[in-house]
Amino acid sequence: MLKYVNTSIVFQEVPDEVTLAVNISNCPCHCPGCHSKYLWENIGTPLTAMKLEQLIAQYGNEITCIAFMGGDADPMYVNRLARFIHREYQGMKVAWYSGRQRVPSTVRKSDFDYIKVGPYIAHLGCLKDRTTNQRLYKRASGDDFTDVTSYFWK
């Protein structure tokens, strides 16, 4: 069972979306230079479908997307939560920010609208840097995704 530590409404993580970012703990990636080292620990509140319903109800129509920030300790569980959101909340977008290089083959990518992959590598920077190794993909159709990382570049 994954746990989350906190949430926030963000405007920069997913292009053109008002996103509820859910910060998930127990991150196995341990990227050097990580800005959220507190998420390396297995702390927080269990992230269940019921808890997601409560969070979504709290913000109602103010949000257009849910972003799972982490969850690499149990990608199949993140996948189940994404499927739940799409089934129960028609029109709500789902994003997953993973620190892994690739999406595990056991994850059904079509359950997500956006997927960010890539560990944070300090000298390459984050998504807003043209030198970044990280990539944000937007689902075009089915399992086809388009790289939209350049949306972050100025």
N, C-alpha and C. Protein backbone atom coordinates (compact mmCIF):
# COMPACT_ATOMS: atom_id res chain seq x y z
N MET A 1 0.84 -1.18 0.00
CA MET A 1 0.00 0.00 0.00
C MET A 1 0.89 1.25 0.00
N LEU A 2 0.64 2.12 -0.93
CA LEU A 2 1.38 3.37 -0.97
C LEU A 2 0.82 4.34 0.06
N LYS A 3 1.68 5.26 0.48
CA LYS A 3 1.26 6.31 1.39
C LYS A 3 1.58 7.66 0.75
N TYR A 4 0.79 8.67 1.11
CA TYR A 4 1.09 10.01 0.64
C TYR A 4 1.34 10.90 1.85
N VAL A 5 2.14 11.93 1.62
CA VAL A 5 2.53 12.81 2.71
C VAL A 5 1.73 14.10 2.69
N ASN A 6 1.54 14.66 1.49
CA ASN A 6 0.79 15.91 1.37
C ASN A 6 0.30 16.08 -0.06
N THR A 7 -0.50 17.11 -0.24
CA THR A 7 -1.01 17.45 -1.57
C THR A 7 -0.90 18.96 -1.76
N SER A 8 -0.96 19.38 -2.99
CA SER A 8 -1.03 20.80 -3.28
C SER A 8 -1.62 21.00 -4.68
N ILE A 9 -2.22 22.15 -4.86
CA ILE A 9 -2.73 22.52 -6.18
C ILE A 9 -1.56 23.17 -6.91
N VAL A 10 -1.25 22.64 -8.12
CA VAL A 10 -0.12 23.15 -8.88
C VAL A 10 -0.57 23.48 -10.30
N PHE A 11 0.15 24.39 -10.92
CA PHE A 11 -0.19 24.85 -12.26
C PHE A 11 0.92 24.59 -13.27
N GLN A 12 2.10 24.15 -12.80
CA GLN A 12 3.23 23.98 -13.70
C GLN A 12 3.59 22.53 -13.99
N GLU A 13 3.08 21.59 -13.23
CA GLU A 13 3.49 20.20 -13.41
C GLU A 13 2.91 19.56 -14.67
N VAL A 14 1.68 19.92 -15.03
CA VAL A 14 1.01 19.35 -16.20
C VAL A 14 0.49 20.52 -17.04
N PRO A 15 0.94 20.64 -18.27
CA PRO A 15 0.54 21.78 -19.11
C PRO A 15 -0.98 21.89 -19.27
N ASP A 16 -1.47 23.11 -19.11
CA ASP A 16 -2.88 23.44 -19.33
C ASP A 16 -3.85 22.75 -18.37
N GLU A 17 -3.36 22.31 -17.23
CA GLU A 17 -4.22 21.65 -16.24
C GLU A 17 -4.04 22.29 -14.87
N VAL A 18 -5.12 22.32 -14.10
CA VAL A 18 -5.06 22.68 -12.68
C VAL A 18 -4.99 21.34 -11.96
N THR A 19 -3.84 21.07 -11.38
CA THR A 19 -3.50 19.72 -10.93
C THR A 19 -3.42 19.61 -9.42
N LEU A 20 -4.03 18.55 -8.91
CA LEU A 20 -3.84 18.18 -7.53
C LEU A 20 -2.65 17.22 -7.49
N ALA A 21 -1.52 17.70 -6.99
CA ALA A 21 -0.31 16.88 -6.88
C ALA A 21 -0.35 16.12 -5.56
N VAL A 22 -0.20 14.80 -5.64
CA VAL A 22 -0.22 13.93 -4.47
C VAL A 22 1.20 13.40 -4.29
N ASN A 23 1.88 13.85 -3.24
CA ASN A 23 3.27 13.47 -2.99
C ASN A 23 3.33 12.14 -2.25
N ILE A 24 3.84 11.12 -2.93
CA ILE A 24 3.87 9.76 -2.43
C ILE A 24 5.24 9.46 -1.81
N SER A 25 5.21 8.82 -0.65
CA SER A 25 6.45 8.51 0.07
C SER A 25 7.01 7.14 -0.32
N ASN A 26 8.09 6.76 0.36
CA ASN A 26 8.78 5.49 0.16
C ASN A 26 9.42 5.39 -1.24
N CYS A 27 9.94 6.50 -1.73
CA CYS A 27 10.56 6.52 -3.06
C CYS A 27 11.85 5.71 -3.06
N PRO A 28 11.94 4.72 -3.94
CA PRO A 28 13.13 3.89 -4.00
C PRO A 28 14.24 4.49 -4.88
N CYS A 29 13.94 5.58 -5.57
CA CYS A 29 14.90 6.11 -6.56
C CYS A 29 16.09 6.81 -5.92
N HIS A 30 15.87 7.56 -4.84
CA HIS A 30 16.93 8.24 -4.09
C HIS A 30 17.88 9.00 -5.00
N CYS A 31 17.33 9.86 -5.85
CA CYS A 31 18.14 10.65 -6.78
C CYS A 31 19.05 11.60 -6.02
N PRO A 32 20.35 11.64 -6.34
CA PRO A 32 21.24 12.64 -5.73
C PRO A 32 20.72 14.04 -6.08
N GLY A 33 20.65 14.91 -5.09
CA GLY A 33 20.17 16.26 -5.32
C GLY A 33 18.65 16.38 -5.25
N CYS A 34 17.98 15.33 -4.85
CA CYS A 34 16.51 15.32 -4.74
C CYS A 34 16.05 16.48 -3.86
N HIS A 35 15.02 17.19 -4.30
CA HIS A 35 14.48 18.30 -3.50
C HIS A 35 13.42 17.83 -2.50
N SER A 36 13.10 16.54 -2.52
CA SER A 36 12.05 16.02 -1.62
C SER A 36 12.54 14.76 -0.89
N LYS A 37 13.69 14.86 -0.26
CA LYS A 37 14.26 13.69 0.40
C LYS A 37 13.35 13.12 1.49
N TYR A 38 12.48 13.93 2.04
CA TYR A 38 11.55 13.42 3.05
C TYR A 38 10.64 12.34 2.46
N LEU A 39 10.48 12.31 1.14
CA LEU A 39 9.64 11.30 0.48
C LEU A 39 10.37 9.97 0.31
N TRP A 40 11.62 9.88 0.70
CA TRP A 40 12.36 8.62 0.66
C TRP A 40 11.86 7.68 1.76
N GLU A 41 11.34 8.26 2.85
CA GLU A 41 10.89 7.47 3.99
C GLU A 41 9.48 6.94 3.75
N ASN A 42 9.16 5.83 4.40
CA ASN A 42 7.83 5.23 4.30
C ASN A 42 6.94 5.86 5.37
N ILE A 43 6.46 7.07 5.07
CA ILE A 43 5.67 7.86 6.03
C ILE A 43 4.37 8.30 5.38
N GLY A 44 3.45 8.77 6.20
CA GLY A 44 2.25 9.38 5.66
C GLY A 44 0.99 8.55 5.87
N THR A 45 -0.02 8.91 5.10
CA THR A 45 -1.36 8.33 5.17
C THR A 45 -1.55 7.36 4.01
N PRO A 46 -2.15 6.19 4.26
CA PRO A 46 -2.40 5.27 3.15
C PRO A 46 -3.20 5.95 2.03
N LEU A 47 -2.76 5.73 0.81
CA LEU A 47 -3.42 6.32 -0.35
C LEU A 47 -4.38 5.29 -0.93
N THR A 48 -5.63 5.41 -0.56
CA THR A 48 -6.66 4.48 -1.00
C THR A 48 -7.61 5.18 -1.98
N ALA A 49 -8.44 4.40 -2.62
CA ALA A 49 -9.45 4.97 -3.50
C ALA A 49 -10.38 5.88 -2.69
N MET A 50 -10.71 5.47 -1.47
CA MET A 50 -11.58 6.29 -0.62
C MET A 50 -10.92 7.63 -0.29
N LYS A 51 -9.62 7.59 -0.01
CA LYS A 51 -8.91 8.84 0.29
C LYS A 51 -8.87 9.75 -0.94
N LEU A 52 -8.67 9.15 -2.11
CA LEU A 52 -8.71 9.95 -3.34
C LEU A 52 -10.07 10.60 -3.54
N GLU A 53 -11.12 9.86 -3.26
CA GLU A 53 -12.47 10.42 -3.37
C GLU A 53 -12.63 11.63 -2.46
N GLN A 54 -12.10 11.53 -1.24
CA GLN A 54 -12.18 12.65 -0.30
C GLN A 54 -11.41 13.86 -0.81
N LEU A 55 -10.22 13.62 -1.35
CA LEU A 55 -9.41 14.72 -1.87
C LEU A 55 -10.09 15.38 -3.07
N ILE A 56 -10.62 14.58 -3.96
CA ILE A 56 -11.30 15.13 -5.14
C ILE A 56 -12.54 15.91 -4.72
N ALA A 57 -13.30 15.39 -3.76
CA ALA A 57 -14.49 16.09 -3.27
C ALA A 57 -14.11 17.42 -2.63
N GLN A 58 -12.97 17.44 -1.96
CA GLN A 58 -12.51 18.67 -1.29
C GLN A 58 -12.29 19.80 -2.29
N TYR A 59 -11.79 19.46 -3.48
CA TYR A 59 -11.46 20.49 -4.47
C TYR A 59 -12.49 20.61 -5.58
N GLY A 60 -13.31 19.59 -5.76
CA GLY A 60 -14.40 19.66 -6.74
C GLY A 60 -13.94 20.06 -8.13
N ASN A 61 -14.64 21.00 -8.71
CA ASN A 61 -14.37 21.44 -10.08
C ASN A 61 -13.15 22.34 -10.21
N GLU A 62 -12.48 22.62 -9.09
CA GLU A 62 -11.29 23.47 -9.14
C GLU A 62 -10.11 22.77 -9.81
N ILE A 63 -10.13 21.44 -9.82
CA ILE A 63 -9.01 20.68 -10.40
C ILE A 63 -9.46 19.95 -11.67
N THR A 64 -8.51 19.78 -12.58
CA THR A 64 -8.79 19.06 -13.83
C THR A 64 -7.90 17.83 -13.98
N CYS A 65 -6.96 17.65 -13.03
CA CYS A 65 -5.98 16.58 -13.15
C CYS A 65 -5.50 16.16 -11.77
N ILE A 66 -5.24 14.87 -11.62
CA ILE A 66 -4.59 14.33 -10.42
C ILE A 66 -3.22 13.84 -10.86
N ALA A 67 -2.17 14.28 -10.16
CA ALA A 67 -0.81 13.84 -10.49
C ALA A 67 -0.23 13.07 -9.31
N PHE A 68 0.14 11.84 -9.58
CA PHE A 68 0.83 11.03 -8.59
C PHE A 68 2.31 11.35 -8.69
N MET A 69 2.83 11.98 -7.66
CA MET A 69 4.22 12.41 -7.64
C MET A 69 5.01 11.32 -6.91
N GLY A 70 5.47 10.34 -7.69
CA GLY A 70 6.14 9.19 -7.13
C GLY A 70 5.24 7.96 -7.22
N GLY A 71 5.55 7.00 -6.40
CA GLY A 71 4.82 5.74 -6.43
C GLY A 71 5.63 4.62 -7.05
N ASP A 72 6.91 4.88 -7.26
CA ASP A 72 7.78 3.88 -7.90
C ASP A 72 7.98 2.63 -7.05
N ALA A 73 7.62 2.68 -5.78
CA ALA A 73 7.72 1.48 -4.94
C ALA A 73 6.64 0.46 -5.30
N ASP A 74 5.54 0.93 -5.92
CA ASP A 74 4.45 0.03 -6.30
C ASP A 74 3.72 0.58 -7.53
N PRO A 75 4.34 0.51 -8.70
CA PRO A 75 3.74 1.09 -9.91
C PRO A 75 2.39 0.47 -10.28
N MET A 76 2.20 -0.80 -9.97
CA MET A 76 0.91 -1.42 -10.29
C MET A 76 -0.21 -0.81 -9.46
N TYR A 77 0.09 -0.39 -8.24
CA TYR A 77 -0.93 0.26 -7.41
C TYR A 77 -1.26 1.64 -7.96
N VAL A 78 -0.24 2.37 -8.41
CA VAL A 78 -0.49 3.67 -9.06
C VAL A 78 -1.39 3.45 -10.27
N ASN A 79 -1.12 2.40 -11.03
CA ASN A 79 -1.93 2.08 -12.20
C ASN A 79 -3.39 1.81 -11.80
N ARG A 80 -3.60 1.05 -10.73
CA ARG A 80 -4.98 0.78 -10.28
C ARG A 80 -5.69 2.06 -9.87
N LEU A 81 -4.97 2.97 -9.20
CA LEU A 81 -5.58 4.25 -8.80
C LEU A 81 -5.92 5.09 -10.02
N ALA A 82 -5.07 5.08 -11.03
CA ALA A 82 -5.35 5.83 -12.27
C ALA A 82 -6.60 5.29 -12.94
N ARG A 83 -6.71 3.99 -13.01
CA ARG A 83 -7.89 3.34 -13.60
C ARG A 83 -9.15 3.71 -12.83
N PHE A 84 -9.05 3.73 -11.50
CA PHE A 84 -10.18 4.11 -10.64
C PHE A 84 -10.63 5.54 -10.95
N ILE A 85 -9.69 6.47 -11.03
CA ILE A 85 -10.04 7.87 -11.30
C ILE A 85 -10.73 7.99 -12.65
N HIS A 86 -10.20 7.38 -13.67
CA HIS A 86 -10.84 7.47 -14.99
C HIS A 86 -12.23 6.84 -15.00
N ARG A 87 -12.41 5.78 -14.24
CA ARG A 87 -13.72 5.12 -14.20
C ARG A 87 -14.74 5.96 -13.43
N GLU A 88 -14.32 6.55 -12.31
CA GLU A 88 -15.26 7.24 -11.43
C GLU A 88 -15.40 8.74 -11.70
N TYR A 89 -14.43 9.33 -12.37
CA TYR A 89 -14.43 10.78 -12.59
C TYR A 89 -14.16 11.07 -14.06
N GLN A 90 -15.21 10.94 -14.86
CA GLN A 90 -15.09 11.16 -16.30
C GLN A 90 -14.54 12.55 -16.57
N GLY A 91 -13.54 12.64 -17.42
CA GLY A 91 -12.95 13.92 -17.79
C GLY A 91 -11.77 14.33 -16.93
N MET A 92 -11.59 13.71 -15.77
CA MET A 92 -10.44 14.04 -14.92
C MET A 92 -9.19 13.42 -15.54
N LYS A 93 -8.16 14.21 -15.71
CA LYS A 93 -6.90 13.72 -16.25
C LYS A 93 -6.08 13.09 -15.13
N VAL A 94 -5.21 12.16 -15.51
CA VAL A 94 -4.34 11.49 -14.55
C VAL A 94 -2.91 11.55 -15.06
N ALA A 95 -2.01 12.02 -14.19
CA ALA A 95 -0.59 12.10 -14.52
C ALA A 95 0.20 11.29 -13.50
N TRP A 96 1.33 10.78 -13.96
CA TRP A 96 2.23 10.06 -13.06
C TRP A 96 3.64 10.58 -13.29
N TYR A 97 4.26 11.08 -12.22
CA TYR A 97 5.65 11.51 -12.25
C TYR A 97 6.49 10.40 -11.64
N SER A 98 7.20 9.68 -12.49
CA SER A 98 8.04 8.57 -12.05
C SER A 98 9.51 8.99 -12.13
N GLY A 99 10.29 8.49 -11.20
CA GLY A 99 11.73 8.74 -11.23
C GLY A 99 12.49 7.68 -12.00
N ARG A 100 11.78 6.73 -12.53
CA ARG A 100 12.41 5.64 -13.30
C ARG A 100 12.70 6.10 -14.73
N GLN A 101 13.60 5.39 -15.39
CA GLN A 101 13.94 5.69 -16.78
C GLN A 101 12.82 5.28 -17.72
N ARG A 102 12.11 4.22 -17.37
CA ARG A 102 11.05 3.69 -18.23
C ARG A 102 9.85 3.30 -17.38
N VAL A 103 8.70 3.28 -18.03
CA VAL A 103 7.49 2.79 -17.39
C VAL A 103 7.57 1.26 -17.36
N PRO A 104 7.36 0.65 -16.21
CA PRO A 104 7.42 -0.82 -16.15
C PRO A 104 6.43 -1.45 -17.13
N SER A 105 6.81 -2.57 -17.70
CA SER A 105 5.96 -3.23 -18.70
C SER A 105 4.65 -3.74 -18.10
N THR A 106 4.58 -3.86 -16.79
CA THR A 106 3.36 -4.32 -16.14
C THR A 106 2.32 -3.21 -16.00
N VAL A 107 2.72 -1.97 -16.26
CA VAL A 107 1.80 -0.82 -16.17
C VAL A 107 1.14 -0.61 -17.52
N ARG A 108 -0.17 -0.39 -17.48
CA ARG A 108 -0.92 -0.09 -18.70
C ARG A 108 -0.90 1.42 -18.93
N LYS A 109 -0.03 1.86 -19.82
CA LYS A 109 0.17 3.30 -20.04
C LYS A 109 -1.11 4.02 -20.43
N SER A 110 -2.01 3.35 -21.11
CA SER A 110 -3.23 4.00 -21.56
C SER A 110 -4.14 4.41 -20.40
N ASP A 111 -3.83 3.99 -19.17
CA ASP A 111 -4.60 4.43 -18.01
C ASP A 111 -4.17 5.82 -17.53
N PHE A 112 -3.16 6.38 -18.18
CA PHE A 112 -2.65 7.70 -17.81
C PHE A 112 -2.79 8.66 -18.99
N ASP A 113 -2.98 9.94 -18.66
CA ASP A 113 -3.02 10.98 -19.68
C ASP A 113 -1.64 11.60 -19.88
N TYR A 114 -0.85 11.62 -18.81
CA TYR A 114 0.51 12.15 -18.83
C TYR A 114 1.40 11.23 -18.02
N ILE A 115 2.62 11.03 -18.50
CA ILE A 115 3.61 10.27 -17.75
C ILE A 115 4.95 10.99 -17.87
N LYS A 116 5.55 11.28 -16.71
CA LYS A 116 6.89 11.86 -16.68
C LYS A 116 7.84 10.76 -16.24
N VAL A 117 8.91 10.57 -16.97
CA VAL A 117 9.92 9.58 -16.60
C VAL A 117 11.29 10.24 -16.55
N GLY A 118 12.16 9.62 -15.77
CA GLY A 118 13.54 10.09 -15.67
C GLY A 118 13.89 10.52 -14.27
N PRO A 119 15.00 10.02 -13.76
CA PRO A 119 15.46 10.47 -12.45
C PRO A 119 15.96 11.90 -12.53
N TYR A 120 15.96 12.58 -11.40
CA TYR A 120 16.54 13.92 -11.37
C TYR A 120 18.05 13.78 -11.37
N ILE A 121 18.70 14.42 -12.34
CA ILE A 121 20.16 14.46 -12.41
C ILE A 121 20.54 15.93 -12.38
N ALA A 122 21.12 16.35 -11.27
CA ALA A 122 21.34 17.78 -10.98
C ALA A 122 21.99 18.53 -12.14
N HIS A 123 23.06 18.00 -12.72
CA HIS A 123 23.76 18.77 -13.76
C HIS A 123 22.97 18.84 -15.07
N LEU A 124 21.93 18.02 -15.22
CA LEU A 124 21.08 18.09 -16.41
C LEU A 124 19.84 18.94 -16.17
N GLY A 125 19.49 19.13 -14.91
CA GLY A 125 18.35 19.99 -14.58
C GLY A 125 17.02 19.26 -14.62
N CYS A 126 15.96 20.05 -14.40
CA CYS A 126 14.61 19.51 -14.35
C CYS A 126 13.89 19.78 -15.68
N LEU A 127 12.61 19.53 -15.73
CA LEU A 127 11.86 19.63 -16.99
C LEU A 127 11.98 21.00 -17.67
N LYS A 128 12.14 22.06 -16.90
CA LYS A 128 12.21 23.38 -17.52
C LYS A 128 13.55 23.66 -18.21
N ASP A 129 14.54 22.79 -17.98
CA ASP A 129 15.85 22.96 -18.59
C ASP A 129 15.96 22.15 -19.88
N ARG A 130 16.41 22.78 -20.94
CA ARG A 130 16.55 22.09 -22.24
C ARG A 130 17.52 20.90 -22.17
N THR A 131 18.40 20.90 -21.18
CA THR A 131 19.40 19.83 -21.05
C THR A 131 18.89 18.63 -20.26
N THR A 132 17.66 18.70 -19.78
CA THR A 132 17.14 17.66 -18.89
C THR A 132 17.10 16.28 -19.55
N ASN A 133 17.28 15.27 -18.74
CA ASN A 133 17.10 13.89 -19.18
C ASN A 133 15.64 13.46 -18.97
N GLN A 134 14.90 14.22 -18.17
CA GLN A 134 13.52 13.88 -17.86
C GLN A 134 12.62 14.20 -19.06
N ARG A 135 11.53 13.43 -19.20
CA ARG A 135 10.61 13.63 -20.31
C ARG A 135 9.18 13.52 -19.80
N LEU A 136 8.33 14.45 -20.27
CA LEU A 136 6.91 14.37 -19.99
C LEU A 136 6.21 14.01 -21.29
N TYR A 137 5.40 12.96 -21.22
CA TYR A 137 4.66 12.47 -22.38
C TYR A 137 3.16 12.65 -22.15
N LYS A 138 2.47 13.02 -23.21
CA LYS A 138 1.01 13.18 -23.19
C LYS A 138 0.41 12.10 -24.08
N ARG A 139 -0.63 11.44 -23.58
CA ARG A 139 -1.27 10.39 -24.37
C ARG A 139 -1.99 11.02 -25.56
N ALA A 140 -1.68 10.51 -26.73
CA ALA A 140 -2.33 10.97 -27.96
C ALA A 140 -3.55 10.09 -28.23
N SER A 141 -3.35 8.79 -28.19
CA SER A 141 -4.45 7.82 -28.33
C SER A 141 -3.92 6.46 -27.92
N GLY A 142 -4.78 5.67 -27.29
CA GLY A 142 -4.37 4.33 -26.87
C GLY A 142 -3.07 4.36 -26.09
N ASP A 143 -2.09 3.60 -26.58
CA ASP A 143 -0.77 3.57 -25.95
C ASP A 143 0.22 4.50 -26.63
N ASP A 144 -0.24 5.37 -27.52
CA ASP A 144 0.64 6.31 -28.21
C ASP A 144 0.76 7.60 -27.40
N PHE A 145 2.00 7.98 -27.13
CA PHE A 145 2.27 9.19 -26.36
C PHE A 145 3.16 10.12 -27.16
N THR A 146 2.99 11.42 -26.95
CA THR A 146 3.79 12.45 -27.59
C THR A 146 4.63 13.14 -26.53
N ASP A 147 5.89 13.38 -26.84
CA ASP A 147 6.79 14.08 -25.92
C ASP A 147 6.41 15.56 -25.88
N VAL A 148 6.01 16.06 -24.71
CA VAL A 148 5.62 17.47 -24.57
C VAL A 148 6.57 18.21 -23.63
N THR A 149 7.75 17.66 -23.42
CA THR A 149 8.72 18.29 -22.52
C THR A 149 9.02 19.73 -22.93
N SER A 150 9.05 19.98 -24.22
CA SER A 150 9.39 21.32 -24.70
C SER A 150 8.37 22.39 -24.26
N TYR A 151 7.19 21.98 -23.82
CA TYR A 151 6.19 22.96 -23.31
C TYR A 151 6.74 23.71 -22.12
N PHE A 152 7.70 23.14 -21.42
CA PHE A 152 8.26 23.75 -20.22
C PHE A 152 9.38 24.74 -20.52
N TRP A 153 9.91 24.69 -21.73
CA TRP A 153 11.06 25.52 -22.08
C TRP A 153 10.62 26.90 -22.51
N LYS A 154 11.38 27.87 -22.09
CA LYS A 154 11.07 29.27 -22.45
C LYS A 154 11.94 29.73 -23.58
